[in-house]
C-alpha atoms as a PDB file:
ATOM      1  CA  MET A   1     145.221 135.717 182.727  1.00  0.00           C
ATOM      2  CA  ARG A   2     146.859 138.934 183.934  1.00  0.00           C
ATOM      3  CA  ALA A   3     148.615 141.232 181.489  1.00  0.00           C
ATOM      4  CA  SER A   4     152.044 140.540 183.014  1.00  0.00           C
ATOM      5  CA  THR A   5     151.544 136.794 182.620  1.00  0.00           C
ATOM      6  CA  ARG A   6     150.462 137.204 179.000  1.00  0.00           C
ATOM      7  CA  TRP A   7     153.571 139.248 178.252  1.00  0.00           C
ATOM      8  CA  THR A   8     155.769 136.594 179.922  1.00  0.00           C
ATOM      9  CA  VAL A   9     154.223 133.808 177.827  1.00  0.00           C
ATOM     10  CA  ALA A  10     154.581 135.872 174.667  1.00  0.00           C
ATOM     11  CA  ALA A  11     158.242 136.579 175.430  1.00  0.00           C
ATOM     12  CA  LEU A  12     158.897 132.872 175.991  1.00  0.00           C
ATOM     13  CA  ILE A  13     157.284 132.015 172.640  1.00  0.00           C
ATOM     14  CA  VAL A  14     159.510 134.538 170.875  1.00  0.00           C
ATOM     15  CA  VAL A  15     162.653 133.172 172.578  1.00  0.00           C
ATOM     16  CA  VAL A  16     161.759 129.586 171.607  1.00  0.00           C
ATOM     17  CA  ALA A  17     161.057 130.602 168.007  1.00  0.00           C
ATOM     18  CA  LEU A  18     164.393 132.399 167.749  1.00  0.00           C
ATOM     19  CA  ALA A  19     166.207 129.405 169.234  1.00  0.00           C
ATOM     20  CA  VAL A  20     164.610 127.037 166.706  1.00  0.00           C
ATOM     21  CA  ALA A  21     165.479 129.361 163.820  1.00  0.00           C
ATOM     22  CA  LEU A  22     169.092 129.608 164.999  1.00  0.00           C
ATOM     23  CA  TRP A  23     169.354 125.810 165.356  1.00  0.00           C
ATOM     24  CA  ARG A  24     168.042 125.307 161.830  1.00  0.00           C
ATOM     25  CA  GLU A  25     170.464 127.867 160.427  1.00  0.00           C
ATOM     26  CA  VAL A  26     173.440 126.236 162.183  1.00  0.00           C
ATOM     27  CA  GLY A  27     172.354 122.840 160.899  1.00  0.00           C
ATOM     28  CA  SER A  28     172.064 124.225 157.395  1.00  0.00           C
ATOM     29  CA  GLU A  29     175.525 125.776 157.557  1.00  0.00           C
ATOM     30  CA  ASP A  30     177.014 122.510 158.842  1.00  0.00           C
ATOM     31  CA  SER A  31     175.442 120.649 155.947  1.00  0.00           C
ATOM     32  CA  ARG A  32     176.820 123.129 153.427  1.00  0.00           C
ATOM     33  CA  ASP A  33     180.268 123.118 154.988  1.00  0.00           C
ATOM     34  CA  GLY A  34     180.277 119.328 154.934  1.00  0.00           C
ATOM     35  CA  TRP A  35     182.635 116.626 156.120  1.00  0.00           C
ATOM     36  CA  GLY A  36     186.186 117.830 156.377  1.00  0.00           C
ATOM     37  CA  GLY A  37     185.204 121.432 155.638  1.00  0.00           C
ATOM     38  CA  GLY A  38     184.822 121.065 151.892  1.00  0.00           C
ATOM     39  CA  ASN A  39     182.273 118.471 150.865  1.00  0.00           C
ATOM     40  CA  PRO A  40     179.240 120.117 149.277  1.00  0.00           C
ATOM     41  CA  SER A  41     177.041 117.046 149.632  1.00  0.00           C
ATOM     42  CA  ALA A  42     177.922 115.634 153.044  1.00  0.00           C
ATOM     43  CA  GLY A  43     175.134 113.825 154.828  1.00  0.00           C
ATOM     44  CA  VAL A  44     173.338 112.907 151.611  1.00  0.00           C
ATOM     45  CA  ALA A  45     173.114 109.114 151.515  1.00  0.00           C
ATOM     46  CA  ARG A  46     172.958 108.682 147.738  1.00  0.00           C
ATOM     47  CA  GLU A  47     175.338 106.842 145.453  1.00  0.00           C
ATOM     48  CA  HIS A  48     175.137 109.614 142.877  1.00  0.00           C
ATOM     49  CA  ARG A  49     173.002 112.627 141.996  1.00  0.00           C
ATOM     50  CA  ASP A  50     169.679 112.344 140.210  1.00  0.00           C
ATOM     51  CA  ALA A  51     171.277 114.317 137.380  1.00  0.00           C
ATOM     52  CA  ASP A  52     173.897 111.613 136.878  1.00  0.00           C
ATOM     53  CA  THR A  53     171.812 109.423 134.595  1.00  0.00           C
ATOM     54  CA  PRO A  54     173.492 106.944 132.218  1.00  0.00           C
ATOM     55  CA  GLN A  55     172.819 109.373 129.384  1.00  0.00           C
ATOM     56  CA  ALA A  56     174.296 112.346 131.237  1.00  0.00           C
ATOM     57  CA  LEU A  57     177.367 110.326 132.257  1.00  0.00           C
ATOM     58  CA  ALA A  58     178.122 109.039 128.757  1.00  0.00           C
ATOM     59  CA  VAL A  59     180.288 111.993 127.703  1.00  0.00           C
ATOM     60  CA  PRO A  60     182.191 112.354 131.029  1.00  0.00           C
ATOM     61  CA  ARG A  61     182.833 108.587 131.002  1.00  0.00           C
ATOM     62  CA  ALA A  62     184.191 108.785 127.476  1.00  0.00           C
ATOM     63  CA  ARG A  63     186.471 111.672 128.459  1.00  0.00           C
ATOM     64  CA  ALA A  64     187.730 109.877 131.575  1.00  0.00           C
ATOM     65  CA  ASP A  65     188.300 106.609 129.662  1.00  0.00           C
ATOM     66  CA  LEU A  66     188.809 104.691 132.921  1.00  0.00           C
ATOM     67  CA  SER A  67     190.203 101.205 133.141  1.00  0.00           C
ATOM     68  CA  PRO A  68     187.479  98.613 133.771  1.00  0.00           C
ATOM     69  CA  CYS A  69     186.923  97.403 137.306  1.00  0.00           C
ATOM     70  CA  PRO A  70     188.525  94.024 138.073  1.00  0.00           C
ATOM     71  CA  PRO A  71     186.355  90.937 137.617  1.00  0.00           C
ATOM     72  CA  PRO A  72     185.105  89.040 140.682  1.00  0.00           C
ATOM     73  CA  SER A  73     187.427  86.457 142.198  1.00  0.00           C
ATOM     74  CA  ALA A  74     186.826  83.383 144.347  1.00  0.00           C
ATOM     75  CA  GLY A  75     189.784  84.019 146.669  1.00  0.00           C
ATOM     76  CA  PRO A  76     189.658  85.057 150.346  1.00  0.00           C
ATOM     77  CA  ARG A  77     188.144  88.473 150.979  1.00  0.00           C
ATOM     78  CA  PRO A  78     187.882  90.912 153.884  1.00  0.00           C
ATOM     79  CA  GLU A  79     184.867  89.932 155.960  1.00  0.00           C
ATOM     80  CA  ALA A  80     183.866  93.556 156.434  1.00  0.00           C
ATOM     81  CA  LEU A  81     183.311  94.036 152.704  1.00  0.00           C
ATOM     82  CA  GLY A  82     180.894  91.153 152.320  1.00  0.00           C
ATOM     83  CA  GLY A  83     177.714  92.392 150.653  1.00  0.00           C
ATOM     84  CA  VAL A  84     179.041  95.905 149.956  1.00  0.00           C
ATOM     85  CA  SER A  85     177.829  96.828 146.469  1.00  0.00           C
ATOM     86  CA  VAL A  86     178.664 100.025 144.563  1.00  0.00           C
ATOM     87  CA  GLU A  87     178.919 101.221 140.971  1.00  0.00           C
ATOM     88  CA  CYS A  88     181.922 100.904 138.678  1.00  0.00           C
ATOM     89  CA  ALA A  89     182.487 104.429 137.370  1.00  0.00           C
ATOM     90  CA  ALA A  90     183.880 103.170 134.060  1.00  0.00           C
ATOM     91  CA  ASP A  91     180.594 101.730 132.828  1.00  0.00           C
ATOM     92  CA  GLY A  92     177.953 101.968 135.577  1.00  0.00           C
ATOM     93  CA  SER A  93     177.890  98.243 136.311  1.00  0.00           C
ATOM     94  CA  ARG A  94     177.239  96.995 139.838  1.00  0.00           C
ATOM     95  CA  ILE A  95     180.279  95.797 141.763  1.00  0.00           C
ATOM     96  CA  ASP A  96     180.380  93.475 144.776  1.00  0.00           C
ATOM     97  CA  VAL A  97     183.438  95.037 146.398  1.00  0.00           C
ATOM     98  CA  GLY A  98     184.287  91.997 148.510  1.00  0.00           C
ATOM     99  CA  ARG A  99     184.353  89.719 145.472  1.00  0.00           C
ATOM    100  CA  VAL A 100     186.373  92.186 143.400  1.00  0.00           C
ATOM    101  CA  VAL A 101     189.171  92.502 145.969  1.00  0.00           C
ATOM    102  CA  ALA A 102     189.140  88.801 146.906  1.00  0.00           C
ATOM    103  CA  GLY A 103     192.467  87.039 146.476  1.00  0.00           C
ATOM    104  CA  ARG A 104     194.257  90.226 145.387  1.00  0.00           C
ATOM    105  CA  ASN A 105     196.752  92.613 146.905  1.00  0.00           C
ATOM    106  CA  VAL A 106     194.685  95.799 146.740  1.00  0.00           C
ATOM    107  CA  VAL A 107     195.291  99.450 147.514  1.00  0.00           C
ATOM    108  CA  LEU A 108     191.992 101.284 148.010  1.00  0.00           C
ATOM    109  CA  ASN A 109     192.393 105.038 147.595  1.00  0.00           C
ATOM    110  CA  LEU A 110     189.439 107.002 149.027  1.00  0.00           C
ATOM    111  CA  TRP A 111     188.966 110.482 147.588  1.00  0.00           C
ATOM    112  CA  ALA A 112     186.505 113.118 146.374  1.00  0.00           C
ATOM    113  CA  TYR A 113     186.548 115.489 143.419  1.00  0.00           C
ATOM    114  CA  TRP A 114     186.611 118.599 145.639  1.00  0.00           C
ATOM    115  CA  CYS A 115     189.600 117.418 147.705  1.00  0.00           C
ATOM    116  CA  GLY A 116     192.810 119.251 146.756  1.00  0.00           C
ATOM    117  CA  PRO A 117     195.277 116.787 148.355  1.00  0.00           C
ATOM    118  CA  CYS A 118     193.399 113.954 146.614  1.00  0.00           C
ATOM    119  CA  ALA A 119     194.011 115.549 143.214  1.00  0.00           C
ATOM    120  CA  ASP A 120     197.700 115.907 144.057  1.00  0.00           C
ATOM    121  CA  GLU A 121     197.902 112.259 145.138  1.00  0.00           C
ATOM    122  CA  LEU A 122     195.979 110.507 142.341  1.00  0.00           C
ATOM    123  CA  PRO A 123     198.727 110.821 139.687  1.00  0.00           C
ATOM    124  CA  ALA A 124     201.178 109.321 142.180  1.00  0.00           C
ATOM    125  CA  MET A 125     198.755 106.410 142.689  1.00  0.00           C
ATOM    126  CA  ALA A 126     198.593 105.925 138.927  1.00  0.00           C
ATOM    127  CA  GLU A 127     202.387 105.874 138.687  1.00  0.00           C
ATOM    128  CA  TYR A 128     202.571 103.410 141.580  1.00  0.00           C
ATOM    129  CA  GLN A 129     200.131 101.108 139.758  1.00  0.00           C
ATOM    130  CA  ARG A 130     202.198 101.328 136.577  1.00  0.00           C
ATOM    131  CA  ARG A 131     205.299 100.262 138.472  1.00  0.00           C
ATOM    132  CA  MET A 132     203.656  97.402 140.367  1.00  0.00           C
ATOM    133  CA  GLY A 133     201.846  95.868 137.409  1.00  0.00           C
ATOM    134  CA  SER A 134     199.779  92.785 138.221  1.00  0.00           C
ATOM    135  CA  ALA A 135     201.315  92.365 141.690  1.00  0.00           C
ATOM    136  CA  VAL A 136     198.980  95.028 143.128  1.00  0.00           C
ATOM    137  CA  THR A 137     195.587  96.413 142.116  1.00  0.00           C
ATOM    138  CA  VAL A 138     194.896 100.078 142.862  1.00  0.00           C
ATOM    139  CA  LEU A 139     191.197 100.904 143.115  1.00  0.00           C
ATOM    140  CA  THR A 140     190.094 104.469 143.709  1.00  0.00           C
ATOM    141  CA  VAL A 141     186.856 105.008 145.617  1.00  0.00           C
ATOM    142  CA  HIS A 142     185.058 108.285 144.913  1.00  0.00           C
ATOM    143  CA  GLN A 143     183.183 109.354 148.051  1.00  0.00           C
ATOM    144  CA  ASP A 144     180.820 112.034 146.804  1.00  0.00           C
ATOM    145  CA  GLU A 145     177.507 111.763 144.966  1.00  0.00           C
ATOM    146  CA  ASN A 146     178.670 114.030 142.102  1.00  0.00           C
ATOM    147  CA  GLU A 147     179.880 111.321 139.735  1.00  0.00           C
ATOM    148  CA  THR A 148     180.108 113.695 136.770  1.00  0.00           C
ATOM    149  CA  ALA A 149     182.566 115.903 138.642  1.00  0.00           C
ATOM    150  CA  ALA A 150     184.638 112.848 139.595  1.00  0.00           C
ATOM    151  CA  LEU A 151     184.904 111.677 135.991  1.00  0.00           C
ATOM    152  CA  LEU A 152     185.854 115.138 134.776  1.00  0.00           C
ATOM    153  CA  ARG A 153     188.463 115.480 137.511  1.00  0.00           C
ATOM    154  CA  LEU A 154     190.037 112.138 136.552  1.00  0.00           C
ATOM    155  CA  ALA A 155     190.004 113.175 132.889  1.00  0.00           C
ATOM    156  CA  GLU A 156     191.703 116.457 133.800  1.00  0.00           C
ATOM    157  CA  LEU A 157     194.386 114.615 135.789  1.00  0.00           C
ATOM    158  CA  GLY A 158     194.879 111.938 133.145  1.00  0.00           C
ATOM    159  CA  VAL A 159     194.318 109.230 135.767  1.00  0.00           C
ATOM    160  CA  ARG A 160     192.634 106.114 134.361  1.00  0.00           C
ATOM    161  CA  LEU A 161     192.653 103.887 137.436  1.00  0.00           C
ATOM    162  CA  PRO A 162     189.568 101.693 137.979  1.00  0.00           C
ATOM    163  CA  THR A 163     187.191 103.691 140.137  1.00  0.00           C
ATOM    164  CA  LEU A 164     184.264 102.825 142.371  1.00  0.00           C
ATOM    165  CA  GLN A 165     181.482 105.403 142.725  1.00  0.00           C
ATOM    166  CA  ASP A 166     180.535 105.340 146.425  1.00  0.00           C
ATOM    167  CA  GLY A 167     178.570 108.469 147.297  1.00  0.00           C
ATOM    168  CA  ARG A 168     177.138 106.704 150.351  1.00  0.00           C
ATOM    169  CA  ARG A 169     180.653 105.897 151.608  1.00  0.00           C
ATOM    170  CA  LEU A 170     179.792 102.273 152.201  1.00  0.00           C
ATOM    171  CA  VAL A 171     183.377 101.109 151.761  1.00  0.00           C
ATOM    172  CA  ALA A 172     184.727 103.553 154.332  1.00  0.00           C
ATOM    173  CA  ALA A 173     181.978 102.642 156.789  1.00  0.00           C
ATOM    174  CA  ALA A 174     182.555  98.908 156.367  1.00  0.00           C
ATOM    175  CA  LEU A 175     186.300  99.234 156.917  1.00  0.00           C
ATOM    176  CA  ARG A 176     185.964 101.913 159.630  1.00  0.00           C
ATOM    177  CA  VAL A 177     188.145 104.392 157.793  1.00  0.00           C
ATOM    178  CA  PRO A 178     188.469 107.757 159.594  1.00  0.00           C
ATOM    179  CA  ASN A 179     186.548 110.675 158.071  1.00  0.00           C
ATOM    180  CA  VAL A 180     189.617 112.026 156.313  1.00  0.00           C
ATOM    181  CA  MET A 181     190.410 112.315 152.623  1.00  0.00           C
ATOM    182  CA  PRO A 182     192.471 111.143 150.986  1.00  0.00           C
ATOM    183  CA  ALA A 183     192.785 107.860 152.852  1.00  0.00           C
ATOM    184  CA  THR A 184     194.369 104.607 151.743  1.00  0.00           C
ATOM    185  CA  VAL A 185     193.453 101.067 152.788  1.00  0.00           C
ATOM    186  CA  VAL A 186     195.855  98.187 152.172  1.00  0.00           C
ATOM    187  CA  LEU A 187     194.321  94.745 151.615  1.00  0.00           C
ATOM    188  CA  ARG A 188     196.432  91.595 151.484  1.00  0.00           C
ATOM    189  CA  SER A 189     195.589  88.764 149.090  1.00  0.00           C
ATOM    190  CA  ASP A 190     194.672  86.528 152.038  1.00  0.00           C
ATOM    191  CA  GLY A 191     191.728  88.810 152.836  1.00  0.00           C
ATOM    192  CA  THR A 192     193.283  90.741 155.729  1.00  0.00           C
ATOM    193  CA  VAL A 193     193.226  94.518 156.099  1.00  0.00           C
ATOM    194  CA  THR A 194     196.831  95.316 156.892  1.00  0.00           C
ATOM    195  CA  LYS A 195     196.829  99.118 157.034  1.00  0.00           C
ATOM    196  CA  ILE A 196     194.477 102.095 157.085  1.00  0.00           C
ATOM    197  CA  LEU A 197     196.383 105.265 156.263  1.00  0.00           C
ATOM    198  CA  PRO A 198     194.419 108.532 156.700  1.00  0.00           C
ATOM    199  CA  ARG A 199     197.053 110.646 154.974  1.00  0.00           C
ATOM    200  CA  SER A 200     198.160 111.860 151.561  1.00  0.00           C
ATOM    201  CA  PHE A 201     201.130 110.772 149.455  1.00  0.00           C
ATOM    202  CA  THR A 202     203.217 112.812 147.048  1.00  0.00           C
ATOM    203  CA  SER A 203     205.074 110.153 145.052  1.00  0.00           C
ATOM    204  CA  ALA A 204     204.961 106.528 143.946  1.00  0.00           C
ATOM    205  CA  ASP A 205     208.078 105.852 146.028  1.00  0.00           C
ATOM    206  CA  GLU A 206     206.341 107.144 149.134  1.00  0.00           C
ATOM    207  CA  ILE A 207     203.290 104.989 148.433  1.00  0.00           C
ATOM    208  CA  ALA A 208     205.399 101.875 147.885  1.00  0.00           C
ATOM    209  CA  ALA A 209     207.321 102.406 151.125  1.00  0.00           C
ATOM    210  CA  ALA A 210     204.074 102.744 153.082  1.00  0.00           C
ATOM    211  CA  VAL A 211     201.943  99.968 151.565  1.00  0.00           C
ATOM    212  CA  ASN A 212     204.180  97.258 150.090  1.00  0.00           C
ATOM    213  CA  PRO A 213     205.435  95.751 153.375  1.00  0.00           C
ATOM    214  CA  GLY A 214     201.845  95.120 154.474  1.00  0.00           C
ATOM    215  CA  MET A 215     201.164  93.120 151.320  1.00  0.00           C
ATOM    216  CA  GLY A 216     204.517  91.323 151.263  1.00  0.00           C
ATOM    217  CA  VAL A 217     205.430  92.630 147.803  1.00  0.00           C
ATOM    218  CA  ARG A 218     208.456  94.467 146.463  1.00  0.00           C
ATOM    219  CA  GLY A 219     208.650  97.341 144.072  1.00  0.00           C
END
């Protein structure tokens, strides 16, 4: 092999190596930046962190003091949620989401602990639930693997709504919710998905105006 050819091959090897290094760095930055520009654990398909053991979660759960998740029902349920199983953040029990929402008017509020608009909206969701009573069930769905941070955020906000821990975002995937947080899904008691709202709300009145007509309830 002539010297000029050897130098050409060597130069090509260097260019390829630099390209691979740059690609890896970009991929790493994308992973750190995360979905929506703020999720520190995007792309990690885990329900919660390894550190979030039952023992480690005991104190955050006590501080959050969440309402228990609703019991399963035999009513009609959204087909898309059949077989979707996540954890109830209040006590760590397994929840079949389809069976829990079956036969109920449900507002699913999808959020994450690091999402600023979500933190602003959650108290409004809690007030909306207080007003609606048993006519509507508000379930929040935490979409990040850091369950400890979610519990502490809810404790800080004083929001005790029943919460599903869904770090793998199975609920959003099943219902084809856009990759936006917060997002709200409105489920009618007959099992139909009436609205998917990829937006934030600022008051209980605003929530009621947006979701109640789809469920056929007043309040």
